Amino acid sequence: MTKLEAIKGKVGEAEEFARKIWLAGLGAYGKSFDEAQGQYEKLSAEATKVFEELVQKGESLEGEAKDKIKATTNVEERVAEVRKKLGLDKPSADEKVEELSAKIDALTDAVAKLAAK
């Protein structure tokens, strides 16, 4: 083998080695990309799952809140009904005093008529 052939052989080996380094770099990039893609898809699926769980929890809480609001409304209606029956639903004390004064005046007149007989 001549020196020229030996040099060509060494250059060929160097080119092959450089090509392998290049291919290893591409392989590493591809592997990293695939792993990153897999992680992204996994995270995306988990995020969707968590989102759906949160939606379900929200629907459950919404139903509970509506039930509590309905129960509170029923209680408020009953309290208002009792206040009305007791005459406590008047907006001001002045109106209540006027109403009672009118009743007292009517009773006083009735007593006076009965006493006159």
PDB file of N, CA and C in Angstrom:
ATOM      1  N   MET A   1       0.834  -1.153   0.000  1.00  0.00           N
ATOM      2  CA  MET A   1       0.000   0.000   0.000  1.00  0.00           C
ATOM      3  C   MET A   1       0.896   1.239   0.000  1.00  0.00           C
ATOM      4  N   THR A   2       0.528   2.167  -0.812  1.00  0.00           N
ATOM      5  CA  THR A   2       1.309   3.389  -0.936  1.00  0.00           C
ATOM      6  C   THR A   2       0.868   4.409   0.090  1.00  0.00           C
ATOM      7  N   LYS A   3       1.714   5.423   0.215  1.00  0.00           N
ATOM      8  CA  LYS A   3       1.381   6.478   1.168  1.00  0.00           C
ATOM      9  C   LYS A   3       0.074   7.153   0.797  1.00  0.00           C
ATOM     10  N   LEU A   4      -0.137   7.362  -0.496  1.00  0.00           N
ATOM     11  CA  LEU A   4      -1.356   8.007  -0.961  1.00  0.00           C
ATOM     12  C   LEU A   4      -2.572   7.175  -0.607  1.00  0.00           C
ATOM     13  N   GLU A   5      -2.456   5.898  -0.801  1.00  0.00           N
ATOM     14  CA  GLU A   5      -3.576   5.020  -0.462  1.00  0.00           C
ATOM     15  C   GLU A   5      -3.806   5.012   1.044  1.00  0.00           C
ATOM     16  N   ALA A   6      -2.747   5.063   1.828  1.00  0.00           N
ATOM     17  CA  ALA A   6      -2.873   5.100   3.284  1.00  0.00           C
ATOM     18  C   ALA A   6      -3.552   6.386   3.717  1.00  0.00           C
ATOM     19  N   ILE A   7      -3.151   7.509   3.097  1.00  0.00           N
ATOM     20  CA  ILE A   7      -3.770   8.799   3.441  1.00  0.00           C
ATOM     21  C   ILE A   7      -5.247   8.781   3.062  1.00  0.00           C
ATOM     22  N   LYS A   8      -5.564   8.263   1.857  1.00  0.00           N
ATOM     23  CA  LYS A   8      -6.952   8.175   1.414  1.00  0.00           C
ATOM     24  C   LYS A   8      -7.750   7.301   2.369  1.00  0.00           C
ATOM     25  N   GLY A   9      -7.147   6.233   2.845  1.00  0.00           N
ATOM     26  CA  GLY A   9      -7.818   5.340   3.804  1.00  0.00           C
ATOM     27  C   GLY A   9      -8.112   6.068   5.118  1.00  0.00           C
ATOM     28  N   LYS A  10      -7.097   6.834   5.602  1.00  0.00           N
ATOM     29  CA  LYS A  10      -7.284   7.590   6.848  1.00  0.00           C
ATOM     30  C   LYS A  10      -8.340   8.682   6.667  1.00  0.00           C
ATOM     31  N   VAL A  11      -8.347   9.359   5.530  1.00  0.00           N
ATOM     32  CA  VAL A  11      -9.356  10.394   5.248  1.00  0.00           C
ATOM     33  C   VAL A  11     -10.729   9.748   5.184  1.00  0.00           C
ATOM     34  N   GLY A  12     -10.794   8.588   4.540  1.00  0.00           N
ATOM     35  CA  GLY A  12     -12.075   7.862   4.452  1.00  0.00           C
ATOM     36  C   GLY A  12     -12.572   7.474   5.836  1.00  0.00           C
ATOM     37  N   GLU A  13     -11.647   6.997   6.692  1.00  0.00           N
ATOM     38  CA  GLU A  13     -12.028   6.642   8.066  1.00  0.00           C
ATOM     39  C   GLU A  13     -12.495   7.879   8.830  1.00  0.00           C
ATOM     40  N   ALA A  14     -11.787   8.994   8.630  1.00  0.00           N
ATOM     41  CA  ALA A  14     -12.150  10.241   9.311  1.00  0.00           C
ATOM     42  C   ALA A  14     -13.527  10.717   8.841  1.00  0.00           C
ATOM     43  N   GLU A  15     -13.766  10.615   7.522  1.00  0.00           N
ATOM     44  CA  GLU A  15     -15.083  11.003   6.990  1.00  0.00           C
ATOM     45  C   GLU A  15     -16.181  10.101   7.551  1.00  0.00           C
ATOM     46  N   GLU A  16     -15.917   8.829   7.624  1.00  0.00           N
ATOM     47  CA  GLU A  16     -16.904   7.872   8.162  1.00  0.00           C
ATOM     48  C   GLU A  16     -17.163   8.169   9.642  1.00  0.00           C
ATOM     49  N   PHE A  17     -16.086   8.462  10.381  1.00  0.00           N
ATOM     50  CA  PHE A  17     -16.230   8.778  11.792  1.00  0.00           C
ATOM     51  C   PHE A  17     -17.019  10.079  11.975  1.00  0.00           C
ATOM     52  N   ALA A  18     -16.705  11.090  11.150  1.00  0.00           N
ATOM     53  CA  ALA A  18     -17.430  12.368  11.204  1.00  0.00           C
ATOM     54  C   ALA A  18     -18.901  12.145  10.864  1.00  0.00           C
ATOM     55  N   ARG A  19     -19.162  11.292   9.871  1.00  0.00           N
ATOM     56  CA  ARG A  19     -20.557  10.979   9.498  1.00  0.00           C
ATOM     57  C   ARG A  19     -21.275  10.309  10.649  1.00  0.00           C
ATOM     58  N   LYS A  20     -20.596   9.396  11.342  1.00  0.00           N
ATOM     59  CA  LYS A  20     -21.210   8.719  12.479  1.00  0.00           C
ATOM     60  C   LYS A  20     -21.507   9.708  13.617  1.00  0.00           C
ATOM     61  N   ILE A  21     -20.578  10.648  13.837  1.00  0.00           N
ATOM     62  CA  ILE A  21     -20.811  11.681  14.853  1.00  0.00           C
ATOM     63  C   ILE A  21     -22.045  12.494  14.472  1.00  0.00           C
ATOM     64  N   TRP A  22     -22.131  12.876  13.196  1.00  0.00           N
ATOM     65  CA  TRP A  22     -23.288  13.627  12.700  1.00  0.00           C
ATOM     66  C   TRP A  22     -24.571  12.828  12.903  1.00  0.00           C
ATOM     67  N   LEU A  23     -24.532  11.558  12.535  1.00  0.00           N
ATOM     68  CA  LEU A  23     -25.715  10.706  12.676  1.00  0.00           C
ATOM     69  C   LEU A  23     -26.089  10.514  14.150  1.00  0.00           C
ATOM     70  N   ALA A  24     -25.073  10.385  15.024  1.00  0.00           N
ATOM     71  CA  ALA A  24     -25.348  10.252  16.453  1.00  0.00           C
ATOM     72  C   ALA A  24     -26.018  11.525  16.973  1.00  0.00           C
ATOM     73  N   GLY A  25     -25.555  12.687  16.511  1.00  0.00           N
ATOM     74  CA  GLY A  25     -26.178  13.956  16.900  1.00  0.00           C
ATOM     75  C   GLY A  25     -27.620  14.025  16.436  1.00  0.00           C
ATOM     76  N   LEU A  26     -27.847  13.630  15.179  1.00  0.00           N
ATOM     77  CA  LEU A  26     -29.228  13.603  14.675  1.00  0.00           C
ATOM     78  C   LEU A  26     -30.084  12.628  15.470  1.00  0.00           C
ATOM     79  N   GLY A  27     -29.507  11.489  15.780  1.00  0.00           N
ATOM     80  CA  GLY A  27     -30.239  10.489  16.575  1.00  0.00           C
ATOM     81  C   GLY A  27     -30.589  11.026  17.957  1.00  0.00           C
ATOM     82  N   ALA A  28     -29.627  11.714  18.577  1.00  0.00           N
ATOM     83  CA  ALA A  28     -29.874  12.287  19.905  1.00  0.00           C
ATOM     84  C   ALA A  28     -30.977  13.336  19.821  1.00  0.00           C
ATOM     85  N   TYR A  29     -30.904  14.182  18.788  1.00  0.00           N
ATOM     86  CA  TYR A  29     -31.945  15.186  18.599  1.00  0.00           C
ATOM     87  C   TYR A  29     -33.305  14.523  18.401  1.00  0.00           C
ATOM     88  N   GLY A  30     -33.359  13.515  17.540  1.00  0.00           N
ATOM     89  CA  GLY A  30     -34.621  12.815  17.280  1.00  0.00           C
ATOM     90  C   GLY A  30     -35.167  12.147  18.528  1.00  0.00           C
ATOM     91  N   LYS A  31     -34.278  11.511  19.296  1.00  0.00           N
ATOM     92  CA  LYS A  31     -34.702  10.840  20.525  1.00  0.00           C
ATOM     93  C   LYS A  31     -35.227  11.872  21.523  1.00  0.00           C
ATOM     94  N   SER A  32     -34.503  12.974  21.663  1.00  0.00           N
ATOM     95  CA  SER A  32     -34.941  14.032  22.572  1.00  0.00           C
ATOM     96  C   SER A  32     -36.289  14.597  22.133  1.00  0.00           C
ATOM     97  N   PHE A  33     -36.439  14.794  20.835  1.00  0.00           N
ATOM     98  CA  PHE A  33     -37.696  15.307  20.316  1.00  0.00           C
ATOM     99  C   PHE A  33     -38.837  14.337  20.607  1.00  0.00           C
ATOM    100  N   ASP A  34     -38.595  13.059  20.360  1.00  0.00           N
ATOM    101  CA  ASP A  34     -39.625  12.041  20.627  1.00  0.00           C
ATOM    102  C   ASP A  34     -40.000  12.012  22.106  1.00  0.00           C
ATOM    103  N   GLU A  35     -38.997  12.078  22.976  1.00  0.00           N
ATOM    104  CA  GLU A  35     -39.278  12.072  24.414  1.00  0.00           C
ATOM    105  C   GLU A  35     -40.038  13.328  24.827  1.00  0.00           C
ATOM    106  N   ALA A  36     -39.620  14.463  24.284  1.00  0.00           N
ATOM    107  CA  ALA A  36     -40.318  15.713  24.604  1.00  0.00           C
ATOM    108  C   ALA A  36     -41.750  15.661  24.095  1.00  0.00           C
ATOM    109  N   GLN A  37     -41.934  15.128  22.900  1.00  0.00           N
ATOM    110  CA  GLN A  37     -43.282  14.994  22.332  1.00  0.00           C
ATOM    111  C   GLN A  37     -44.129  14.085  23.205  1.00  0.00           C
ATOM    112  N   GLY A  38     -43.532  12.985  23.657  1.00  0.00           N
ATOM    113  CA  GLY A  38     -44.256  12.061  24.536  1.00  0.00           C
ATOM    114  C   GLY A  38     -44.639  12.716  25.851  1.00  0.00           C
ATOM    115  N   GLN A  39     -43.701  13.470  26.435  1.00  0.00           N
ATOM    116  CA  GLN A  39     -43.984  14.180  27.681  1.00  0.00           C
ATOM    117  C   GLN A  39     -45.075  15.221  27.465  1.00  0.00           C
ATOM    118  N   TYR A  40     -45.014  15.928  26.347  1.00  0.00           N
ATOM    119  CA  TYR A  40     -46.027  16.932  26.042  1.00  0.00           C
ATOM    120  C   TYR A  40     -47.403  16.281  25.928  1.00  0.00           C
ATOM    121  N   GLU A  41     -47.470  15.181  25.204  1.00  0.00           N
ATOM    122  CA  GLU A  41     -48.752  14.488  25.041  1.00  0.00           C
ATOM    123  C   GLU A  41     -49.264  13.969  26.378  1.00  0.00           C
ATOM    124  N   LYS A  42     -48.350  13.471  27.211  1.00  0.00           N
ATOM    125  CA  LYS A  42     -48.734  12.979  28.536  1.00  0.00           C
ATOM    126  C   LYS A  42     -49.264  14.125  29.391  1.00  0.00           C
ATOM    127  N   LEU A  43     -48.534  15.243  29.405  1.00  0.00           N
ATOM    128  CA  LEU A  43     -48.973  16.408  30.177  1.00  0.00           C
ATOM    129  C   LEU A  43     -50.289  16.960  29.652  1.00  0.00           C
ATOM    130  N   SER A  44     -50.428  16.969  28.347  1.00  0.00           N
ATOM    131  CA  SER A  44     -51.656  17.465  27.744  1.00  0.00           C
ATOM    132  C   SER A  44     -52.836  16.581  28.150  1.00  0.00           C
ATOM    133  N   ALA A  45     -52.630  15.274  28.122  1.00  0.00           N
ATOM    134  CA  ALA A  45     -53.689  14.348  28.529  1.00  0.00           C
ATOM    135  C   ALA A  45     -54.010  14.524  30.010  1.00  0.00           C
ATOM    136  N   GLU A  46     -52.978  14.693  30.831  1.00  0.00           N
ATOM    137  CA  GLU A  46     -53.197  14.896  32.270  1.00  0.00           C
ATOM    138  C   GLU A  46     -53.916  16.219  32.520  1.00  0.00           C
ATOM    139  N   ALA A  47     -53.532  17.256  31.785  1.00  0.00           N
ATOM    140  CA  ALA A  47     -54.180  18.556  31.952  1.00  0.00           C
ATOM    141  C   ALA A  47     -55.654  18.467  31.574  1.00  0.00           C
ATOM    142  N   THR A  48     -55.940  17.753  30.505  1.00  0.00           N
ATOM    143  CA  THR A  48     -57.333  17.567  30.089  1.00  0.00           C
ATOM    144  C   THR A  48     -58.098  16.799  31.159  1.00  0.00           C
ATOM    145  N   LYS A  49     -57.467  15.776  31.711  1.00  0.00           N
ATOM    146  CA  LYS A  49     -58.110  14.984  32.760  1.00  0.00           C
ATOM    147  C   LYS A  49     -58.385  15.847  33.992  1.00  0.00           C
ATOM    148  N   VAL A  50     -57.397  16.623  34.412  1.00  0.00           N
ATOM    149  CA  VAL A  50     -57.564  17.503  35.577  1.00  0.00           C
ATOM    150  C   VAL A  50     -58.661  18.523  35.300  1.00  0.00           C
ATOM    151  N   PHE A  51     -58.667  19.086  34.102  1.00  0.00           N
ATOM    152  CA  PHE A  51     -59.701  20.053  33.733  1.00  0.00           C
ATOM    153  C   PHE A  51     -61.086  19.422  33.825  1.00  0.00           C
ATOM    154  N   GLU A  52     -61.233  18.232  33.285  1.00  0.00           N
ATOM    155  CA  GLU A  52     -62.529  17.549  33.334  1.00  0.00           C
ATOM    156  C   GLU A  52     -62.943  17.255  34.776  1.00  0.00           C
ATOM    157  N   GLU A  53     -61.985  16.861  35.620  1.00  0.00           N
ATOM    158  CA  GLU A  53     -62.291  16.625  37.033  1.00  0.00           C
ATOM    159  C   GLU A  53     -62.748  17.914  37.710  1.00  0.00           C
ATOM    160  N   LEU A  54     -62.099  19.020  37.381  1.00  0.00           N
ATOM    161  CA  LEU A  54     -62.490  20.307  37.955  1.00  0.00           C
ATOM    162  C   LEU A  54     -63.891  20.712  37.501  1.00  0.00           C
ATOM    163  N   VAL A  55     -64.206  20.449  36.249  1.00  0.00           N
ATOM    164  CA  VAL A  55     -65.549  20.747  35.742  1.00  0.00           C
ATOM    165  C   VAL A  55     -66.586  19.921  36.493  1.00  0.00           C
ATOM    166  N   GLN A  56     -66.320  18.636  36.688  1.00  0.00           N
ATOM    167  CA  GLN A  56     -67.254  17.777  37.418  1.00  0.00           C
ATOM    168  C   GLN A  56     -67.425  18.264  38.853  1.00  0.00           C
ATOM    169  N   LYS A  57     -66.332  18.627  39.506  1.00  0.00           N
ATOM    170  CA  LYS A  57     -66.403  19.134  40.880  1.00  0.00           C
ATOM    171  C   LYS A  57     -67.209  20.432  40.917  1.00  0.00           C
ATOM    172  N   GLY A  58     -66.988  21.294  39.940  1.00  0.00           N
ATOM    173  CA  GLY A  58     -67.735  22.549  39.847  1.00  0.00           C
ATOM    174  C   GLY A  58     -69.225  22.305  39.665  1.00  0.00           C
ATOM    175  N   GLU A  59     -69.580  21.337  38.831  1.00  0.00           N
ATOM    176  CA  GLU A  59     -70.997  21.012  38.638  1.00  0.00           C
ATOM    177  C   GLU A  59     -71.608  20.511  39.937  1.00  0.00           C
ATOM    178  N   SER A  60     -70.866  19.698  40.656  1.00  0.00           N
ATOM    179  CA  SER A  60     -71.347  19.174  41.932  1.00  0.00           C
ATOM    180  C   SER A  60     -71.567  20.310  42.925  1.00  0.00           C
ATOM    181  N   LEU A  61     -70.587  21.198  43.033  1.00  0.00           N
ATOM    182  CA  LEU A  61     -70.696  22.325  43.961  1.00  0.00           C
ATOM    183  C   LEU A  61     -71.817  23.275  43.551  1.00  0.00           C
ATOM    184  N   GLU A  62     -71.989  23.436  42.262  1.00  0.00           N
ATOM    185  CA  GLU A  62     -73.069  24.294  41.779  1.00  0.00           C
ATOM    186  C   GLU A  62     -74.419  23.746  42.214  1.00  0.00           C
ATOM    187  N   GLY A  63     -74.590  22.432  42.083  1.00  0.00           N
ATOM    188  CA  GLY A  63     -75.836  21.798  42.510  1.00  0.00           C
ATOM    189  C   GLY A  63     -76.068  21.968  44.003  1.00  0.00           C
ATOM    190  N   GLU A  64     -75.003  21.770  44.780  1.00  0.00           N
ATOM    191  CA  GLU A  64     -75.116  21.940  46.234  1.00  0.00           C
ATOM    192  C   GLU A  64     -75.469  23.378  46.581  1.00  0.00           C
ATOM    193  N   ALA A  65     -74.836  24.326  45.891  1.00  0.00           N
ATOM    194  CA  ALA A  65     -75.104  25.743  46.160  1.00  0.00           C
ATOM    195  C   ALA A  65     -76.553  26.085  45.819  1.00  0.00           C
ATOM    196  N   LYS A  66     -77.040  25.571  44.705  1.00  0.00           N
ATOM    197  CA  LYS A  66     -78.433  25.839  44.332  1.00  0.00           C
ATOM    198  C   LYS A  66     -79.382  25.279  45.377  1.00  0.00           C
ATOM    199  N   ASP A  67     -79.090  24.078  45.870  1.00  0.00           N
ATOM    200  CA  ASP A  67     -79.937  23.481  46.904  1.00  0.00           C
ATOM    201  C   ASP A  67     -79.926  24.335  48.165  1.00  0.00           C
ATOM    202  N   LYS A  68     -78.742  24.815  48.557  1.00  0.00           N
ATOM    203  CA  LYS A  68     -78.645  25.645  49.764  1.00  0.00           C
ATOM    204  C   LYS A  68     -79.362  26.974  49.579  1.00  0.00           C
ATOM    205  N   ILE A  69     -79.232  27.557  48.398  1.00  0.00           N
ATOM    206  CA  ILE A  69     -79.914  28.826  48.126  1.00  0.00           C
ATOM    207  C   ILE A  69     -81.425  28.611  48.162  1.00  0.00           C
ATOM    208  N   LYS A  70     -81.863  27.508  47.582  1.00  0.00           N
ATOM    209  CA  LYS A  70     -83.298  27.211  47.585  1.00  0.00           C
ATOM    210  C   LYS A  70     -83.783  27.021  49.019  1.00  0.00           C
ATOM    211  N   ALA A  71     -83.032  26.297  49.836  1.00  0.00           N
ATOM    212  CA  ALA A  71     -83.414  26.083  51.235  1.00  0.00           C
ATOM    213  C   ALA A  71     -83.431  27.406  51.985  1.00  0.00           C
ATOM    214  N   THR A  72     -82.442  28.252  51.741  1.00  0.00           N
ATOM    215  CA  THR A  72     -82.383  29.562  52.393  1.00  0.00           C
ATOM    216  C   THR A  72     -83.575  30.406  51.975  1.00  0.00           C
ATOM    217  N   THR A  73     -83.899  30.364  50.687  1.00  0.00           N
ATOM    218  CA  THR A  73     -85.058  31.124  50.198  1.00  0.00           C
ATOM    219  C   THR A  73     -86.331  30.639  50.867  1.00  0.00           C
ATOM    220  N   ASN A  74     -86.473  29.320  51.003  1.00  0.00           N
ATOM    221  CA  ASN A  74     -87.663  28.775  51.669  1.00  0.00           C
ATOM    222  C   ASN A  74     -87.735  29.249  53.116  1.00  0.00           C
ATOM    223  N   VAL A  75     -86.615  29.269  53.803  1.00  0.00           N
ATOM    224  CA  VAL A  75     -86.580  29.726  55.192  1.00  0.00           C
ATOM    225  C   VAL A  75     -86.952  31.204  55.248  1.00  0.00           C
ATOM    226  N   GLU A  76     -86.400  31.994  54.345  1.00  0.00           N
ATOM    227  CA  GLU A  76     -86.705  33.425  54.323  1.00  0.00           C
ATOM    228  C   GLU A  76     -88.186  33.657  54.054  1.00  0.00           C
ATOM    229  N   GLU A  77     -88.769  32.873  53.172  1.00  0.00           N
ATOM    230  CA  GLU A  77     -90.200  32.997  52.889  1.00  0.00           C
ATOM    231  C   GLU A  77     -91.022  32.662  54.128  1.00  0.00           C
ATOM    232  N   ARG A  78     -90.633  31.625  54.833  1.00  0.00           N
ATOM    233  CA  ARG A  78     -91.361  31.241  56.039  1.00  0.00           C
ATOM    234  C   ARG A  78     -91.237  32.294  57.132  1.00  0.00           C
ATOM    235  N   VAL A  79     -90.039  32.868  57.279  1.00  0.00           N
ATOM    236  CA  VAL A  79     -89.839  33.931  58.268  1.00  0.00           C
ATOM    237  C   VAL A  79     -90.710  35.133  57.912  1.00  0.00           C
ATOM    238  N   ALA A  80     -90.742  35.491  56.645  1.00  0.00           N
ATOM    239  CA  ALA A  80     -91.568  36.617  56.208  1.00  0.00           C
ATOM    240  C   ALA A  80     -93.040  36.342  56.486  1.00  0.00           C
ATOM    241  N   GLU A  81     -93.462  35.115  56.264  1.00  0.00           N
ATOM    242  CA  GLU A  81     -94.853  34.731  56.514  1.00  0.00           C
ATOM    243  C   GLU A  81     -95.187  34.863  58.000  1.00  0.00           C
ATOM    244  N   VAL A  82     -94.303  34.392  58.870  1.00  0.00           N
ATOM    245  CA  VAL A  82     -94.510  34.488  60.318  1.00  0.00           C
ATOM    246  C   VAL A  82     -94.511  35.956  60.750  1.00  0.00           C
ATOM    247  N   ARG A  83     -93.589  36.749  60.215  1.00  0.00           N
ATOM    248  CA  ARG A  83     -93.545  38.181  60.550  1.00  0.00           C
ATOM    249  C   ARG A  83     -94.849  38.865  60.156  1.00  0.00           C
ATOM    250  N   LYS A  84     -95.378  38.487  58.995  1.00  0.00           N
ATOM    251  CA  LYS A  84     -96.629  39.079  58.528  1.00  0.00           C
ATOM    252  C   LYS A  84     -97.773  38.714  59.461  1.00  0.00           C
ATOM    253  N   LYS A  85     -97.835  37.442  59.867  1.00  0.00           N
ATOM    254  CA  LYS A  85     -98.895  36.992  60.769  1.00  0.00           C
ATOM    255  C   LYS A  85     -98.813  37.706  62.120  1.00  0.00           C
ATOM    256  N   LEU A  86     -97.608  37.995  62.561  1.00  0.00           N
ATOM    257  CA  LEU A  86     -97.422  38.681  63.841  1.00  0.00           C
ATOM    258  C   LEU A  86     -97.517  40.198  63.716  1.00  0.00           C
ATOM    259  N   GLY A  87     -97.664  40.677  62.496  1.00  0.00           N
ATOM    260  CA  GLY A  87     -97.757  42.107  62.283  1.00  0.00           C
ATOM    261  C   GLY A  87     -96.422  42.816  62.358  1.00  0.00           C
ATOM    262  N   LEU A  88     -95.355  42.058  62.205  1.00  0.00           N
ATOM    263  CA  LEU A  88     -94.009  42.636  62.297  1.00  0.00           C
ATOM    264  C   LEU A  88     -93.436  43.002  60.931  1.00  0.00           C
ATOM    265  N   ASP A  89     -94.253  42.929  59.912  1.00  0.00           N
ATOM    266  CA  ASP A  89     -93.747  43.198  58.576  1.00  0.00           C
ATOM    267  C   ASP A  89     -93.933  44.649  58.161  1.00  0.00           C
ATOM    268  N   LYS A  90     -94.357  45.503  59.091  1.00  0.00           N
ATOM    269  CA  LYS A  90     -94.545  46.932  58.788  1.00  0.00           C
ATOM    270  C   LYS A  90     -93.181  47.571  58.568  1.00  0.00           C
ATOM    271  N   PRO A  91     -93.091  48.455  57.601  1.00  0.00           N
ATOM    272  CA  PRO A  91     -91.794  49.051  57.304  1.00  0.00           C
ATOM    273  C   PRO A  91     -91.256  49.972  58.393  1.00  0.00           C
ATOM    274  N   SER A  92     -92.161  50.622  59.200  1.00  0.00           N
ATOM    275  CA  SER A  92     -91.614  51.519  60.214  1.00  0.00           C
ATOM    276  C   SER A  92     -92.449  51.450  61.491  1.00  0.00           C
ATOM    277  N   ALA A  93     -91.845  51.843  62.602  1.00  0.00           N
ATOM    278  CA  ALA A  93     -92.529  51.848  63.901  1.00  0.00           C
ATOM    279  C   ALA A  93     -93.605  52.923  63.922  1.00  0.00           C
ATOM    280  N   ASP A  94     -93.413  54.017  63.212  1.00  0.00           N
ATOM    281  CA  ASP A  94     -94.402  55.101  63.172  1.00  0.00           C
ATOM    282  C   ASP A  94     -95.730  54.601  62.623  1.00  0.00           C
ATOM    283  N   GLU A  95     -95.667  53.805  61.569  1.00  0.00           N
ATOM    284  CA  GLU A  95     -96.910  53.258  61.007  1.00  0.00           C
ATOM    285  C   GLU A  95     -97.606  52.358  62.015  1.00  0.00           C
ATOM    286  N   LYS A  96     -96.833  51.576  62.723  1.00  0.00           N
ATOM    287  CA  LYS A  96     -97.403  50.674  63.731  1.00  0.00           C
ATOM    288  C   LYS A  96     -98.067  51.485  64.846  1.00  0.00           C
ATOM    289  N   VAL A  97     -97.415  52.556  65.290  1.00  0.00           N
ATOM    290  CA  VAL A  97     -97.966  53.418  66.341  1.00  0.00           C
ATOM    291  C   VAL A  97     -99.268  54.061  65.868  1.00  0.00           C
ATOM    292  N   GLU A  98     -99.285  54.540  64.633  1.00  0.00           N
ATOM    293  CA  GLU A  98    -100.502  55.157  64.085  1.00  0.00           C
ATOM    294  C   GLU A  98    -101.630  54.137  64.020  1.00  0.00           C
ATOM    295  N   GLU A  99    -101.304  52.930  63.568  1.00  0.00           N
ATOM    296  CA  GLU A  99    -102.315  51.873  63.483  1.00  0.00           C
ATOM    297  C   GLU A  99    -102.879  51.552  64.869  1.00  0.00           C
ATOM    298  N   LEU A 100    -102.007  51.403  65.853  1.00  0.00           N
ATOM    299  CA  LEU A 100    -102.463  51.099  67.213  1.00  0.00           C
ATOM    300  C   LEU A 100    -103.257  52.276  67.808  1.00  0.00           C
ATOM    301  N   SER A 101    -102.844  53.494  67.527  1.00  0.00           N
ATOM    302  CA  SER A 101    -103.582  54.668  68.013  1.00  0.00           C
ATOM    303  C   SER A 101    -104.984  54.690  67.439  1.00  0.00           C
ATOM    304  N   ALA A 102    -105.112  54.372  66.165  1.00  0.00           N
ATOM    305  CA  ALA A 102    -106.436  54.342  65.542  1.00  0.00           C
ATOM    306  C   ALA A 102    -107.306  53.273  66.190  1.00  0.00           C
ATOM    307  N   LYS A 103    -106.727  52.133  66.494  1.00  0.00           N
ATOM    308  CA  LYS A 103    -107.486  51.065  67.154  1.00  0.00           C
ATOM    309  C   LYS A 103    -107.903  51.499  68.563  1.00  0.00           C
ATOM    310  N   ILE A 104    -107.014  52.166  69.279  1.00  0.00           N
ATOM    311  CA  ILE A 104    -107.338  52.644  70.636  1.00  0.00           C
ATOM    312  C   ILE A 104    -108.470  53.674  70.566  1.00  0.00           C
ATOM    313  N   ASP A 105    -108.407  54.573  69.599  1.00  0.00           N
ATOM    314  CA  ASP A 105    -109.469  55.573  69.428  1.00  0.00           C
ATOM    315  C   ASP A 105    -110.800  54.895  69.142  1.00  0.00           C
ATOM    316  N   ALA A 106    -110.782  53.878  68.291  1.00  0.00           N
ATOM    317  CA  ALA A 106    -112.022  53.163  67.974  1.00  0.00           C
ATOM    318  C   ALA A 106    -112.550  52.462  69.211  1.00  0.00           C
ATOM    319  N   LEU A 107    -111.676  51.856  70.004  1.00  0.00           N
ATOM    320  CA  LEU A 107    -112.106  51.184  71.223  1.00  0.00           C
ATOM    321  C   LEU A 107    -112.647  52.197  72.249  1.00  0.00           C
ATOM    322  N   THR A 108    -112.000  53.344  72.360  1.00  0.00           N
ATOM    323  CA  THR A 108    -112.450  54.393  73.284  1.00  0.00           C
ATOM    324  C   THR A 108    -113.846  54.864  72.897  1.00  0.00           C
ATOM    325  N   ASP A 109    -114.085  55.070  71.610  1.00  0.00           N
ATOM    326  CA  ASP A 109    -115.414  55.471  71.132  1.00  0.00           C
ATOM    327  C   ASP A 109    -116.442  54.381  71.442  1.00  0.00           C
ATOM    328  N   ALA A 110    -116.074  53.134  71.227  1.00  0.00           N
ATOM    329  CA  ALA A 110    -117.013  52.040  71.488  1.00  0.00           C
ATOM    330  C   ALA A 110    -117.336  51.961  72.966  1.00  0.00           C
ATOM    331  N   VAL A 111    -116.357  52.127  73.848  1.00  0.00           N
ATOM    332  CA  VAL A 111    -116.574  52.093  75.288  1.00  0.00           C
ATOM    333  C   VAL A 111    -117.457  53.266  75.715  1.00  0.00           C
ATOM    334  N   ALA A 112    -117.201  54.443  75.148  1.00  0.00           N
ATOM    335  CA  ALA A 112    -117.987  55.617  75.486  1.00  0.00           C
ATOM    336  C   ALA A 112    -119.450  55.421  75.083  1.00  0.00           C
ATOM    337  N   LYS A 113    -119.699  54.826  73.933  1.00  0.00           N
ATOM    338  CA  LYS A 113    -121.085  54.562  73.484  1.00  0.00           C
ATOM    339  C   LYS A 113    -121.748  53.563  74.412  1.00  0.00           C
ATOM    340  N   LEU A 114    -121.003  52.548  74.813  1.00  0.00           N
ATOM    341  CA  LEU A 114    -121.571  51.547  75.713  1.00  0.00           C
ATOM    342  C   LEU A 114    -121.850  52.154  77.086  1.00  0.00           C
ATOM    343  N   ALA A 115    -121.014  53.025  77.578  1.00  0.00           N
ATOM    344  CA  ALA A 115    -121.187  53.660  78.886  1.00  0.00           C
ATOM    345  C   ALA A 115    -122.364  54.618  78.856  1.00  0.00           C
ATOM    346  N   ALA A 116    -122.633  55.252  77.716  1.00  0.00           N
ATOM    347  CA  ALA A 116    -123.728  56.194  77.605  1.00  0.00           C
ATOM    348  C   ALA A 116    -125.069  55.484  77.655  1.00  0.00           C
ATOM    349  N   LYS A 117    -125.172  54.266  77.345  1.00  0.00           N
ATOM    350  CA  LYS A 117    -126.425  53.522  77.340  1.00  0.00           C
ATOM    351  C   LYS A 117    -126.796  53.139  78.686  1.00  0.00           C
TER     352      LYS A 117
END
